[in-house]
Amino acid sequence: VRMKFLQLLSRKAEKLEILFQTPYYQNQFPHVCLATSTCLYSKKKKNNSYEHVDQEKYKNLVYSVTSYKTSAQTPETMLEEDNLLYGPPAKHSLQVKAETKLPKNWVPLVNPNKRISHLSSDSNLPMKIALQGTKMPSVTRILQQTISPLQAFYLERWKQKMILELGKDGFAEYTKNLFLQGELFHAALESIFLPEETTTKEQRENAVISGYLSSVEHVLEDIAEVKALESAVQHESLQYLGLVDCVAKYRGQLCVIDWKTSEKPKPFLKDTFDNPLQVAAYIGAINHDANYDFQVRCGLIVVAYKDGSPAHPHFMGPDLCSQYWKKWLLRLEEYMDKN
């Protein structure tokens, strides 16, 4: 009834006049009277049994019921009433504020106190520092233990699906082969970049990695001046470490390069999940590691494919690296709080 009344109010004035006037067709035809036993006006008024109730006696009860603060309206009916009275709401683009959460322990990505040596000892020999036994957590471990619930859900669902298809033993063999392919692929790339080594014919023709090597051929043409290969890095103040795949110039920009293998295409940076955070963490570690006499501001993630289709290189400029560096610091703090 409320909505019908509002609909009447929302109509134009002239329509309301027509609505409450006698219908026009009654003047066009003779009046015909139909006598029925159900005529509204011929009904005898019934006695209302509530007229004799002692209203004063139940005054408090009536007041408590009628004053109870509960509305029969719902958000849907209120919105409908507003539309009838005032028209549909104007559509304005709402500016959503970006996440303003900042790390408690802010450390810059580029080390302002690091002195850069302009004397190159031997540019033909990339650095290769071995990992030392230490209690520092690795970048990989930190990222694994701080993944979002949504990522954890999809990862577990994929794992259960693979176990259902391959069985537990089959899935274990599958993951073992994936790690082996990655190790062989990285070893082949290392032999390509080291001047005293060459990729053997067996490596090039190895069915396990030949597709990956073909996939990255066009990317290798843009890489020069390799400064580090499979080298350990550690952030001395933030206390974490990692193993960098490669540090070299990509199209003239010095980058931390991370080689990834994938069975599915990953044409966009967002498809690489936490890999950009990993690269940003390595960049920050190099810039604060006294073993390295240079600083890096850019990153590169190269996704290679087993079928030999062209790899996708995802370049990360200084601004993008800074954004992922902030996200990495938040993940690092989350890990430290848990442990």
Foldseek 3Di string as FASTA:
>chain_A
DVVVVLLLVLDDPVVNVCVPDDPPCPVVDDDDDDDDPPDPVPDDDDDDPCVPDPCVVCVVVVCCVVVPPDDPDDPVVVQVSCCSPPNHDDDDDDDDDDDPDFFPDDDDLFDPPAAFDPDDPDLLDADAADDDDDPFAALVVLCVVQPDPVVVVVVVVVLVVVCVVQNPVRSVVVVVLQVVLVVLQLVQVVQVSRPVHHRDPCSCPVLSCVLQVLQCVVQVVQWDRWHHAQHKFAQPPLRYIYTFHTFTDGNRATAREAEAEDADDDQDPVSVPCVLLNRLVRQSRLSRGPVHSDHHQKYWYWYGYSNNHHIHIDIGGNVNSRVSPRVNSVSSVVSVVVD
